[in-house]
């Protein structure tokens, strides 16, 4: 079964590729991805751009759509990226999620509806 791991954390200024500190920042993330791949769990993963790039469509029944800049809700944490993993059950998915190398934040694990 596939599970999505949603990574919520406080925004921070990360160094760009080639900048000092970039390789050090990315090392645990690459190690984590390699472990997922080697274990046959990796399906997909992406980092998202910051919430300042978000556009939200708000829909209210018959009132039509409203398009606004920014995320739907103001929060300290934001959705920074995700993994989709293959796991035998929720317990295994939670074990995989617990290994995500974020220093602080939250990880939401949800089953993917099969196509």
PDB file of N, CA and C in Angstrom:
ATOM      1  N   UNK A   1       0.845  -1.174   0.000  1.00  0.00           N
ATOM      2  CA  UNK A   1       0.000   0.000   0.000  1.00  0.00           C
ATOM      3  C   UNK A   1       0.893   1.241   0.000  1.00  0.00           C
ATOM      4  N   UNK A   2       0.426   2.280  -0.652  1.00  0.00           N
ATOM      5  CA  UNK A   2       1.195   3.522  -0.666  1.00  0.00           C
ATOM      6  C   UNK A   2       0.679   4.488   0.398  1.00  0.00           C
ATOM      7  N   UNK A   3       1.631   5.213   0.984  1.00  0.00           N
ATOM      8  CA  UNK A   3       1.327   6.223   1.987  1.00  0.00           C
ATOM      9  C   UNK A   3       2.047   7.513   1.604  1.00  0.00           C
ATOM     10  N   UNK A   4       1.403   8.647   1.883  1.00  0.00           N
ATOM     11  CA  UNK A   4       2.045   9.934   1.677  1.00  0.00           C
ATOM     12  C   UNK A   4       2.504  10.452   3.030  1.00  0.00           C
ATOM     13  N   UNK A   5       3.742  10.892   3.071  1.00  0.00           N
ATOM     14  CA  UNK A   5       4.306  11.525   4.267  1.00  0.00           C
ATOM     15  C   UNK A   5       4.395  13.009   3.958  1.00  0.00           C
ATOM     16  N   UNK A   6       3.569  13.811   4.619  1.00  0.00           N
ATOM     17  CA  UNK A   6       3.573  15.264   4.438  1.00  0.00           C
ATOM     18  C   UNK A   6       4.494  15.875   5.482  1.00  0.00           C
ATOM     19  N   UNK A   7       5.429  16.696   5.034  1.00  0.00           N
ATOM     20  CA  UNK A   7       6.450  17.259   5.917  1.00  0.00           C
ATOM     21  C   UNK A   7       6.101  18.720   6.209  1.00  0.00           C
ATOM     22  N   UNK A   8       5.766  18.991   7.466  1.00  0.00           N
ATOM     23  CA  UNK A   8       5.426  20.349   7.901  1.00  0.00           C
ATOM     24  C   UNK A   8       6.546  20.851   8.809  1.00  0.00           C
ATOM     25  N   UNK A   9       7.072  22.026   8.494  1.00  0.00           N
ATOM     26  CA  UNK A   9       8.124  22.596   9.337  1.00  0.00           C
ATOM     27  C   UNK A   9       8.085  24.113   9.243  1.00  0.00           C
ATOM     28  N   UNK A  10       8.806  24.741  10.140  1.00  0.00           N
ATOM     29  CA  UNK A  10       8.918  26.194  10.063  1.00  0.00           C
ATOM     30  C   UNK A  10       9.819  26.550   8.888  1.00  0.00           C
ATOM     31  N   UNK A  11       9.464  27.598   8.154  1.00  0.00           N
ATOM     32  CA  UNK A  11      10.323  27.984   7.028  1.00  0.00           C
ATOM     33  C   UNK A  11      11.693  28.435   7.508  1.00  0.00           C
ATOM     34  N   UNK A  12      12.709  28.214   6.681  1.00  0.00           N
ATOM     35  CA  UNK A  12      14.054  28.673   6.999  1.00  0.00           C
ATOM     36  C   UNK A  12      14.776  28.978   5.701  1.00  0.00           C
ATOM     37  N   UNK A  13      15.802  29.786   5.775  1.00  0.00           N
ATOM     38  CA  UNK A  13      16.589  30.133   4.600  1.00  0.00           C
ATOM     39  C   UNK A  13      17.635  29.057   4.377  1.00  0.00           C
ATOM     40  N   UNK A  14      17.400  28.239   3.377  1.00  0.00           N
ATOM     41  CA  UNK A  14      18.332  27.151   3.056  1.00  0.00           C
ATOM     42  C   UNK A  14      19.330  27.644   2.015  1.00  0.00           C
ATOM     43  N   UNK A  15      20.566  27.204   2.117  1.00  0.00           N
ATOM     44  CA  UNK A  15      21.537  27.573   1.090  1.00  0.00           C
ATOM     45  C   UNK A  15      21.152  26.938  -0.250  1.00  0.00           C
ATOM     46  N   UNK A  16      21.467  27.633  -1.329  1.00  0.00           N
ATOM     47  CA  UNK A  16      21.190  27.141  -2.680  1.00  0.00           C
ATOM     48  C   UNK A  16      22.264  26.145  -3.096  1.00  0.00           C
ATOM     49  N   UNK A  17      21.952  25.296  -4.087  1.00  0.00           N
ATOM     50  CA  UNK A  17      22.989  24.372  -4.586  1.00  0.00           C
ATOM     51  C   UNK A  17      24.262  25.131  -4.963  1.00  0.00           C
ATOM     52  N   UNK A  18      25.390  24.625  -4.507  1.00  0.00           N
ATOM     53  CA  UNK A  18      26.677  25.263  -4.767  1.00  0.00           C
ATOM     54  C   UNK A  18      27.119  26.230  -3.683  1.00  0.00           C
ATOM     55  N   UNK A  19      26.180  26.688  -2.846  1.00  0.00           N
ATOM     56  CA  UNK A  19      26.528  27.603  -1.757  1.00  0.00           C
ATOM     57  C   UNK A  19      27.139  26.821  -0.593  1.00  0.00           C
ATOM     58  N   UNK A  20      27.948  27.501   0.226  1.00  0.00           N
ATOM     59  CA  UNK A  20      28.495  26.828   1.414  1.00  0.00           C
ATOM     60  C   UNK A  20      27.364  26.309   2.307  1.00  0.00           C
ATOM     61  N   UNK A  21      27.516  25.118   2.782  1.00  0.00           N
ATOM     62  CA  UNK A  21      26.538  24.513   3.679  1.00  0.00           C
ATOM     63  C   UNK A  21      25.461  23.697   2.985  1.00  0.00           C
ATOM     64  N   UNK A  22      25.352  23.819   1.653  1.00  0.00           N
ATOM     65  CA  UNK A  22      24.298  23.088   0.943  1.00  0.00           C
ATOM     66  C   UNK A  22      24.492  21.579   1.049  1.00  0.00           C
ATOM     67  N   UNK A  23      25.706  21.116   0.766  1.00  0.00           N
ATOM     68  CA  UNK A  23      25.967  19.668   0.809  1.00  0.00           C
ATOM     69  C   UNK A  23      25.733  19.110   2.202  1.00  0.00           C
ATOM     70  N   UNK A  24      26.149  19.852   3.216  1.00  0.00           N
ATOM     71  CA  UNK A  24      25.953  19.415   4.599  1.00  0.00           C
ATOM     72  C   UNK A  24      24.464  19.338   4.945  1.00  0.00           C
ATOM     73  N   UNK A  25      23.697  20.316   4.482  1.00  0.00           N
ATOM     74  CA  UNK A  25      22.254  20.322   4.730  1.00  0.00           C
ATOM     75  C   UNK A  25      21.573  19.140   4.042  1.00  0.00           C
ATOM     76  N   UNK A  26      21.980  18.832   2.830  1.00  0.00           N
ATOM     77  CA  UNK A  26      21.323  17.802   2.030  1.00  0.00           C
ATOM     78  C   UNK A  26      21.759  16.373   2.369  1.00  0.00           C
ATOM     79  N   UNK A  27      22.903  16.205   3.016  1.00  0.00           N
ATOM     80  CA  UNK A  27      23.439  14.861   3.280  1.00  0.00           C
ATOM     81  C   UNK A  27      22.434  13.939   3.973  1.00  0.00           C
ATOM     82  N   UNK A  28      21.789  14.338   5.081  1.00  0.00           N
ATOM     83  CA  UNK A  28      20.855  13.406   5.716  1.00  0.00           C
ATOM     84  C   UNK A  28      19.625  13.117   4.850  1.00  0.00           C
ATOM     85  N   UNK A  29      19.222  14.083   4.034  1.00  0.00           N
ATOM     86  CA  UNK A  29      18.079  13.878   3.146  1.00  0.00           C
ATOM     87  C   UNK A  29      18.422  12.868   2.054  1.00  0.00           C
ATOM     88  N   UNK A  30      19.622  12.950   1.495  1.00  0.00           N
ATOM     89  CA  UNK A  30      20.039  11.997   0.471  1.00  0.00           C
ATOM     90  C   UNK A  30      20.208  10.601   1.072  1.00  0.00           C
ATOM     91  N   UNK A  31      20.737  10.547   2.293  1.00  0.00           N
ATOM     92  CA  UNK A  31      20.886   9.260   2.978  1.00  0.00           C
ATOM     93  C   UNK A  31      19.509   8.625   3.210  1.00  0.00           C
ATOM     94  N   UNK A  32      18.543   9.441   3.637  1.00  0.00           N
ATOM     95  CA  UNK A  32      17.183   8.946   3.862  1.00  0.00           C
ATOM     96  C   UNK A  32      16.581   8.422   2.558  1.00  0.00           C
ATOM     97  N   UNK A  33      16.694   9.196   1.480  1.00  0.00           N
ATOM     98  CA  UNK A  33      16.144   8.755   0.194  1.00  0.00           C
ATOM     99  C   UNK A  33      16.806   7.448  -0.252  1.00  0.00           C
ATOM    100  N   UNK A  34      18.123   7.355  -0.112  1.00  0.00           N
ATOM    101  CA  UNK A  34      18.823   6.130  -0.506  1.00  0.00           C
ATOM    102  C   UNK A  34      18.327   4.919   0.276  1.00  0.00           C
ATOM    103  N   UNK A  35      18.051   5.104   1.573  1.00  0.00           N
ATOM    104  CA  UNK A  35      17.521   4.001   2.379  1.00  0.00           C
ATOM    105  C   UNK A  35      16.134   3.580   1.895  1.00  0.00           C
ATOM    106  N   UNK A  36      15.303   4.567   1.519  1.00  0.00           N
ATOM    107  CA  UNK A  36      13.987   4.233   0.983  1.00  0.00           C
ATOM    108  C   UNK A  36      14.117   3.445  -0.323  1.00  0.00           C
ATOM    109  N   UNK A  37      14.995   3.918  -1.202  1.00  0.00           N
ATOM    110  CA  UNK A  37      15.192   3.251  -2.496  1.00  0.00           C
ATOM    111  C   UNK A  37      15.710   1.834  -2.280  1.00  0.00           C
ATOM    112  N   UNK A  38      16.753   1.698  -1.463  1.00  0.00           N
ATOM    113  CA  UNK A  38      17.353   0.375  -1.209  1.00  0.00           C
ATOM    114  C   UNK A  38      16.366  -0.596  -0.576  1.00  0.00           C
ATOM    115  N   UNK A  39      15.454  -0.081   0.241  1.00  0.00           N
ATOM    116  CA  UNK A  39      14.470  -0.931   0.904  1.00  0.00           C
ATOM    117  C   UNK A  39      13.232  -1.203   0.059  1.00  0.00           C
ATOM    118  N   UNK A  40      13.178  -0.627  -1.148  1.00  0.00           N
ATOM    119  CA  UNK A  40      12.024  -0.829  -2.014  1.00  0.00           C
ATOM    120  C   UNK A  40      10.801  -0.032  -1.621  1.00  0.00           C
ATOM    121  N   UNK A  41      10.994   1.043  -0.823  1.00  0.00           N
ATOM    122  CA  UNK A  41       9.874   1.842  -0.334  1.00  0.00           C
ATOM    123  C   UNK A  41       9.638   3.112  -1.143  1.00  0.00           C
ATOM    124  N   UNK A  42      10.644   3.581  -1.870  1.00  0.00           N
ATOM    125  CA  UNK A  42      10.549   4.883  -2.528  1.00  0.00           C
ATOM    126  C   UNK A  42       9.608   4.837  -3.725  1.00  0.00           C
ATOM    127  N   UNK A  43       8.646   5.778  -3.756  1.00  0.00           N
ATOM    128  CA  UNK A  43       7.757   5.949  -4.905  1.00  0.00           C
ATOM    129  C   UNK A  43       7.992   7.326  -5.522  1.00  0.00           C
ATOM    130  N   UNK A  44       7.948   8.386  -4.695  1.00  0.00           N
ATOM    131  CA  UNK A  44       8.144   9.753  -5.188  1.00  0.00           C
ATOM    132  C   UNK A  44       8.450  10.667  -4.014  1.00  0.00           C
ATOM    133  N   UNK A  45       9.068  11.804  -4.317  1.00  0.00           N
ATOM    134  CA  UNK A  45       9.339  12.815  -3.297  1.00  0.00           C
ATOM    135  C   UNK A  45       9.601  14.135  -4.000  1.00  0.00           C
ATOM    136  N   UNK A  46       9.180  15.225  -3.386  1.00  0.00           N
ATOM    137  CA  UNK A  46       9.453  16.557  -3.916  1.00  0.00           C
ATOM    138  C   UNK A  46       9.508  17.556  -2.781  1.00  0.00           C
ATOM    139  N   UNK A  47      10.381  18.544  -2.944  1.00  0.00           N
ATOM    140  CA  UNK A  47      10.402  19.695  -2.063  1.00  0.00           C
ATOM    141  C   UNK A  47       9.510  20.748  -2.705  1.00  0.00           C
ATOM    142  N   UNK A  48       8.778  21.485  -1.900  1.00  0.00           N
ATOM    143  CA  UNK A  48       7.910  22.535  -2.419  1.00  0.00           C
ATOM    144  C   UNK A  48       8.548  23.903  -2.204  1.00  0.00           C
ATOM    145  N   UNK A  49       8.242  24.835  -3.087  1.00  0.00           N
ATOM    146  CA  UNK A  49       8.690  26.205  -2.893  1.00  0.00           C
ATOM    147  C   UNK A  49       7.945  26.784  -1.699  1.00  0.00           C
ATOM    148  N   UNK A  50       8.400  27.921  -1.200  1.00  0.00           N
ATOM    149  CA  UNK A  50       7.837  28.536  -0.001  1.00  0.00           C
ATOM    150  C   UNK A  50       6.388  28.954  -0.152  1.00  0.00           C
ATOM    151  N   UNK A  51       5.743  29.167   0.976  1.00  0.00           N
ATOM    152  CA  UNK A  51       4.325  29.544   0.973  1.00  0.00           C
ATOM    153  C   UNK A  51       4.088  30.881   0.276  1.00  0.00           C
ATOM    154  N   UNK A  52       5.121  31.693   0.173  1.00  0.00           N
ATOM    155  CA  UNK A  52       4.945  32.985  -0.520  1.00  0.00           C
ATOM    156  C   UNK A  52       4.671  32.788  -2.009  1.00  0.00           C
ATOM    157  N   UNK A  53       4.906  31.590  -2.537  1.00  0.00           N
ATOM    158  CA  UNK A  53       4.632  31.301  -3.945  1.00  0.00           C
ATOM    159  C   UNK A  53       3.271  30.642  -4.138  1.00  0.00           C
ATOM    160  N   UNK A  54       2.569  30.355  -3.039  1.00  0.00           N
ATOM    161  CA  UNK A  54       1.308  29.619  -3.117  1.00  0.00           C
ATOM    162  C   UNK A  54       0.166  30.497  -3.613  1.00  0.00           C
ATOM    163  N   UNK A  55      -0.766  29.878  -4.280  1.00  0.00           N
ATOM    164  CA  UNK A  55      -2.030  30.495  -4.661  1.00  0.00           C
ATOM    165  C   UNK A  55      -3.118  29.527  -4.228  1.00  0.00           C
ATOM    166  N   UNK A  56      -4.149  30.044  -3.573  1.00  0.00           N
ATOM    167  CA  UNK A  56      -5.218  29.210  -3.045  1.00  0.00           C
ATOM    168  C   UNK A  56      -6.523  29.543  -3.733  1.00  0.00           C
ATOM    169  N   UNK A  57      -7.265  28.523  -4.094  1.00  0.00           N
ATOM    170  CA  UNK A  57      -8.628  28.707  -4.606  1.00  0.00           C
ATOM    171  C   UNK A  57      -9.566  28.352  -3.467  1.00  0.00           C
ATOM    172  N   UNK A  58     -10.364  29.318  -3.042  1.00  0.00           N
ATOM    173  CA  UNK A  58     -11.342  29.070  -1.979  1.00  0.00           C
ATOM    174  C   UNK A  58     -12.709  28.914  -2.624  1.00  0.00           C
ATOM    175  N   UNK A  59     -13.386  27.866  -2.233  1.00  0.00           N
ATOM    176  CA  UNK A  59     -14.686  27.552  -2.809  1.00  0.00           C
ATOM    177  C   UNK A  59     -15.705  27.495  -1.687  1.00  0.00           C
ATOM    178  N   UNK A  60     -16.821  28.187  -1.877  1.00  0.00           N
ATOM    179  CA  UNK A  60     -17.888  28.200  -0.885  1.00  0.00           C
ATOM    180  C   UNK A  60     -19.207  27.835  -1.566  1.00  0.00           C
ATOM    181  N   UNK A  61     -19.517  26.569  -1.589  1.00  0.00           N
ATOM    182  CA  UNK A  61     -20.756  26.035  -2.173  1.00  0.00           C
ATOM    183  C   UNK A  61     -21.110  26.727  -3.484  1.00  0.00           C
ATOM    184  N   UNK A  62     -22.211  27.481  -3.510  1.00  0.00           N
ATOM    185  CA  UNK A  62     -22.689  28.104  -4.750  1.00  0.00           C
ATOM    186  C   UNK A  62     -22.163  29.522  -4.937  1.00  0.00           C
ATOM    187  N   UNK A  63     -21.254  29.973  -4.072  1.00  0.00           N
ATOM    188  CA  UNK A  63     -20.782  31.357  -4.136  1.00  0.00           C
ATOM    189  C   UNK A  63     -19.688  31.561  -5.179  1.00  0.00           C
ATOM    190  N   UNK A  64     -19.208  30.488  -5.778  1.00  0.00           N
ATOM    191  CA  UNK A  64     -18.137  30.618  -6.762  1.00  0.00           C
ATOM    192  C   UNK A  64     -16.774  30.562  -6.112  1.00  0.00           C
ATOM    193  N   UNK A  65     -15.752  30.645  -6.946  1.00  0.00           N
ATOM    194  CA  UNK A  65     -14.368  30.539  -6.479  1.00  0.00           C
ATOM    195  C   UNK A  65     -13.764  31.912  -6.243  1.00  0.00           C
ATOM    196  N   UNK A  66     -12.884  31.976  -5.240  1.00  0.00           N
ATOM    197  CA  UNK A  66     -12.081  33.160  -4.974  1.00  0.00           C
ATOM    198  C   UNK A  66     -10.633  32.708  -4.993  1.00  0.00           C
ATOM    199  N   UNK A  67      -9.813  33.401  -5.749  1.00  0.00           N
ATOM    200  CA  UNK A  67      -8.391  33.070  -5.827  1.00  0.00           C
ATOM    201  C   UNK A  67      -7.613  34.098  -5.017  1.00  0.00           C
ATOM    202  N   UNK A  68      -6.785  33.590  -4.087  1.00  0.00           N
ATOM    203  CA  UNK A  68      -6.005  34.476  -3.221  1.00  0.00           C
ATOM    204  C   UNK A  68      -4.555  34.029  -3.212  1.00  0.00           C
ATOM    205  N   UNK A  69      -3.660  34.981  -3.002  1.00  0.00           N
ATOM    206  CA  UNK A  69      -2.244  34.653  -2.864  1.00  0.00           C
ATOM    207  C   UNK A  69      -2.003  34.063  -1.497  1.00  0.00           C
ATOM    208  N   UNK A  70      -1.080  33.127  -1.431  1.00  0.00           N
ATOM    209  CA  UNK A  70      -0.666  32.571  -0.151  1.00  0.00           C
ATOM    210  C   UNK A  70      -1.403  31.300   0.197  1.00  0.00           C
ATOM    211  N   UNK A  71      -1.017  30.718   1.326  1.00  0.00           N
ATOM    212  CA  UNK A  71      -1.633  29.462   1.768  1.00  0.00           C
ATOM    213  C   UNK A  71      -3.036  29.703   2.300  1.00  0.00           C
ATOM    214  N   UNK A  72      -3.781  28.627   2.462  1.00  0.00           N
ATOM    215  CA  UNK A  72      -5.162  28.723   2.937  1.00  0.00           C
ATOM    216  C   UNK A  72      -5.230  29.238   4.362  1.00  0.00           C
ATOM    217  N   UNK A  73      -4.305  28.810   5.213  1.00  0.00           N
ATOM    218  CA  UNK A  73      -4.334  29.196   6.632  1.00  0.00           C
ATOM    219  C   UNK A  73      -2.977  29.739   7.045  1.00  0.00           C
ATOM    220  N   UNK A  74      -2.997  30.682   7.945  1.00  0.00           N
ATOM    221  CA  UNK A  74      -1.756  31.209   8.509  1.00  0.00           C
ATOM    222  C   UNK A  74      -1.323  30.291   9.641  1.00  0.00           C
ATOM    223  N   UNK A  75      -0.152  29.703   9.510  1.00  0.00           N
ATOM    224  CA  UNK A  75       0.373  28.820  10.545  1.00  0.00           C
ATOM    225  C   UNK A  75       1.864  29.048  10.685  1.00  0.00           C
ATOM    226  N   UNK A  76       2.427  28.607  11.802  1.00  0.00           N
ATOM    227  CA  UNK A  76       3.879  28.672  11.969  1.00  0.00           C
ATOM    228  C   UNK A  76       4.573  27.688  11.046  1.00  0.00           C
ATOM    229  N   UNK A  77       4.003  26.499  10.939  1.00  0.00           N
ATOM    230  CA  UNK A  77       4.577  25.477  10.091  1.00  0.00           C
ATOM    231  C   UNK A  77       3.923  25.520   8.715  1.00  0.00           C
ATOM    232  N   UNK A  78       4.664  25.097   7.718  1.00  0.00           N
ATOM    233  CA  UNK A  78       4.095  25.027   6.384  1.00  0.00           C
ATOM    234  C   UNK A  78       4.471  23.706   5.741  1.00  0.00           C
ATOM    235  N   UNK A  79       3.714  23.337   4.714  1.00  0.00           N
ATOM    236  CA  UNK A  79       3.988  22.108   3.983  1.00  0.00           C
ATOM    237  C   UNK A  79       5.211  22.360   3.121  1.00  0.00           C
ATOM    238  N   UNK A  80       6.311  21.701   3.464  1.00  0.00           N
ATOM    239  CA  UNK A  80       7.565  21.934   2.769  1.00  0.00           C
ATOM    240  C   UNK A  80       7.887  20.895   1.720  1.00  0.00           C
ATOM    241  N   UNK A  81       7.244  19.742   1.793  1.00  0.00           N
ATOM    242  CA  UNK A  81       7.499  18.689   0.823  1.00  0.00           C
ATOM    243  C   UNK A  81       6.788  17.423   1.218  1.00  0.00           C
ATOM    244  N   UNK A  82       7.027  16.381   0.431  1.00  0.00           N
ATOM    245  CA  UNK A  82       6.354  15.123   0.701  1.00  0.00           C
ATOM    246  C   UNK A  82       7.161  13.957   0.150  1.00  0.00           C
ATOM    247  N   UNK A  83       6.860  12.797   0.672  1.00  0.00           N
ATOM    248  CA  UNK A  83       7.323  11.521   0.139  1.00  0.00           C
ATOM    249  C   UNK A  83       6.087  10.663  -0.075  1.00  0.00           C
ATOM    250  N   UNK A  84       6.107   9.853  -1.100  1.00  0.00           N
ATOM    251  CA  UNK A  84       5.143   8.775  -1.236  1.00  0.00           C
ATOM    252  C   UNK A  84       5.959   7.494  -1.122  1.00  0.00           C
ATOM    253  N   UNK A  85       5.556   6.656  -0.180  1.00  0.00           N
ATOM    254  CA  UNK A  85       6.309   5.429   0.093  1.00  0.00           C
ATOM    255  C   UNK A  85       5.409   4.218  -0.052  1.00  0.00           C
ATOM    256  N   UNK A  86       6.037   3.105  -0.321  1.00  0.00           N
ATOM    257  CA  UNK A  86       5.350   1.814  -0.360  1.00  0.00           C
ATOM    258  C   UNK A  86       5.636   1.132   0.977  1.00  0.00           C
ATOM    259  N   UNK A  87       4.578   0.748   1.688  1.00  0.00           N
ATOM    260  CA  UNK A  87       4.732   0.097   2.989  1.00  0.00           C
ATOM    261  C   UNK A  87       3.678  -0.993   3.124  1.00  0.00           C
ATOM    262  N   UNK A  88       3.992  -2.023   3.901  1.00  0.00           N
ATOM    263  CA  UNK A  88       3.045  -3.138   4.039  1.00  0.00           C
ATOM    264  C   UNK A  88       1.826  -2.749   4.865  1.00  0.00           C
ATOM    265  N   UNK A  89       2.004  -1.773   5.790  1.00  0.00           N
ATOM    266  CA  UNK A  89       0.895  -1.334   6.621  1.00  0.00           C
ATOM    267  C   UNK A  89       1.235   0.018   7.250  1.00  0.00           C
ATOM    268  N   UNK A  90       0.302   0.551   8.019  1.00  0.00           N
ATOM    269  CA  UNK A  90       0.502   1.859   8.647  1.00  0.00           C
ATOM    270  C   UNK A  90       1.694   1.849   9.597  1.00  0.00           C
ATOM    271  N   UNK A  91       1.883   0.778  10.328  1.00  0.00           N
ATOM    272  CA  UNK A  91       3.018   0.720  11.261  1.00  0.00           C
ATOM    273  C   UNK A  91       4.348   0.889  10.524  1.00  0.00           C
ATOM    274  N   UNK A  92       4.497   0.213   9.395  1.00  0.00           N
ATOM    275  CA  UNK A  92       5.731   0.360   8.632  1.00  0.00           C
ATOM    276  C   UNK A  92       5.850   1.771   8.057  1.00  0.00           C
ATOM    277  N   UNK A  93       4.738   2.344   7.599  1.00  0.00           N
ATOM    278  CA  UNK A  93       4.761   3.718   7.072  1.00  0.00           C
ATOM    279  C   UNK A  93       5.165   4.706   8.165  1.00  0.00           C
ATOM    280  N   UNK A  94       4.684   4.500   9.380  1.00  0.00           N
ATOM    281  CA  UNK A  94       5.050   5.388  10.494  1.00  0.00           C
ATOM    282  C   UNK A  94       6.529   5.248  10.839  1.00  0.00           C
ATOM    283  N   UNK A  95       7.050   4.046  10.759  1.00  0.00           N
ATOM    284  CA  UNK A  95       8.479   3.830  11.005  1.00  0.00           C
ATOM    285  C   UNK A  95       9.309   4.566   9.949  1.00  0.00           C
ATOM    286  N   UNK A  96       8.893   4.479   8.685  1.00  0.00           N
ATOM    287  CA  UNK A  96       9.594   5.191   7.617  1.00  0.00           C
ATOM    288  C   UNK A  96       9.508   6.701   7.825  1.00  0.00           C
ATOM    289  N   UNK A  97       8.339   7.189   8.215  1.00  0.00           N
ATOM    290  CA  UNK A  97       8.154   8.627   8.428  1.00  0.00           C
ATOM    291  C   UNK A  97       8.986   9.128   9.603  1.00  0.00           C
ATOM    292  N   UNK A  98       9.095   8.334  10.637  1.00  0.00           N
ATOM    293  CA  UNK A  98       9.855   8.751  11.824  1.00  0.00           C
ATOM    294  C   UNK A  98      11.329   8.977  11.498  1.00  0.00           C
ATOM    295  N   UNK A  99      11.806   8.412  10.404  1.00  0.00           N
ATOM    296  CA  UNK A  99      13.213   8.573  10.019  1.00  0.00           C
ATOM    297  C   UNK A  99      13.462   9.806   9.144  1.00  0.00           C
ATOM    298  N   UNK A 100      12.411  10.554   8.779  1.00  0.00           N
ATOM    299  CA  UNK A 100      12.598  11.771   7.975  1.00  0.00           C
ATOM    300  C   UNK A 100      13.474  12.738   8.782  1.00  0.00           C
ATOM    301  N   UNK A 101      14.528  13.271   8.172  1.00  0.00           N
ATOM    302  CA  UNK A 101      15.499  14.053   8.938  1.00  0.00           C
ATOM    303  C   UNK A 101      15.154  15.533   9.144  1.00  0.00           C
ATOM    304  N   UNK A 102      13.932  15.844   9.579  1.00  0.00           N
ATOM    305  CA  UNK A 102      13.644  17.239   9.909  1.00  0.00           C
ATOM    306  C   UNK A 102      14.028  17.474  11.360  1.00  0.00           C
ATOM    307  N   UNK A 103      14.642  18.638  11.653  1.00  0.00           N
ATOM    308  CA  UNK A 103      15.034  18.908  13.036  1.00  0.00           C
ATOM    309  C   UNK A 103      13.839  19.226  13.938  1.00  0.00           C
ATOM    310  N   UNK A 104      12.790  19.831  13.376  1.00  0.00           N
ATOM    311  CA  UNK A 104      11.595  20.170  14.144  1.00  0.00           C
ATOM    312  C   UNK A 104      10.435  20.284  13.170  1.00  0.00           C
ATOM    313  N   UNK A 105       9.251  19.999  13.634  1.00  0.00           N
ATOM    314  CA  UNK A 105       8.074  20.089  12.778  1.00  0.00           C
ATOM    315  C   UNK A 105       7.172  18.906  13.019  1.00  0.00           C
ATOM    316  N   UNK A 106       6.360  18.575  12.006  1.00  0.00           N
ATOM    317  CA  UNK A 106       5.459  17.433  12.139  1.00  0.00           C
ATOM    318  C   UNK A 106       5.397  16.686  10.819  1.00  0.00           C
ATOM    319  N   UNK A 107       5.078  15.414  10.936  1.00  0.00           N
ATOM    320  CA  UNK A 107       4.973  14.535   9.782  1.00  0.00           C
ATOM    321  C   UNK A 107       3.586  13.915   9.793  1.00  0.00           C
ATOM    322  N   UNK A 108       2.828  14.157   8.755  1.00  0.00           N
ATOM    323  CA  UNK A 108       1.483  13.584   8.635  1.00  0.00           C
ATOM    324  C   UNK A 108       1.565  12.406   7.667  1.00  0.00           C
ATOM    325  N   UNK A 109       1.061  11.260   8.072  1.00  0.00           N
ATOM    326  CA  UNK A 109       1.108  10.059   7.255  1.00  0.00           C
ATOM    327  C   UNK A 109      -0.331   9.694   6.888  1.00  0.00           C
ATOM    328  N   UNK A 110      -0.576   9.569   5.571  1.00  0.00           N
ATOM    329  CA  UNK A 110      -1.925   9.245   5.114  1.00  0.00           C
ATOM    330  C   UNK A 110      -1.868   8.208   4.008  1.00  0.00           C
ATOM    331  N   UNK A 111      -2.788   7.230   4.039  1.00  0.00           N
ATOM    332  CA  UNK A 111      -2.827   6.250   2.961  1.00  0.00           C
ATOM    333  C   UNK A 111      -3.273   6.913   1.668  1.00  0.00           C
ATOM    334  N   UNK A 112      -2.716   6.449   0.555  1.00  0.00           N
ATOM    335  CA  UNK A 112      -3.104   6.914  -0.769  1.00  0.00           C
ATOM    336  C   UNK A 112      -4.243   6.015  -1.241  1.00  0.00           C
ATOM    337  N   UNK A 113      -5.287   6.615  -1.778  1.00  0.00           N
ATOM    338  CA  UNK A 113      -6.402   5.840  -2.312  1.00  0.00           C
ATOM    339  C   UNK A 113      -5.924   5.153  -3.590  1.00  0.00           C
ATOM    340  N   UNK A 114      -6.029   3.828  -3.663  1.00  0.00           N
ATOM    341  CA  UNK A 114      -5.577   3.130  -4.869  1.00  0.00           C
ATOM    342  C   UNK A 114      -6.346   3.590  -6.105  1.00  0.00           C
ATOM    343  N   UNK A 115      -5.652   3.662  -7.224  1.00  0.00           N
ATOM    344  CA  UNK A 115      -6.294   4.106  -8.471  1.00  0.00           C
ATOM    345  C   UNK A 115      -7.190   3.038  -9.026  1.00  0.00           C
TER     346      UNK A 115
END
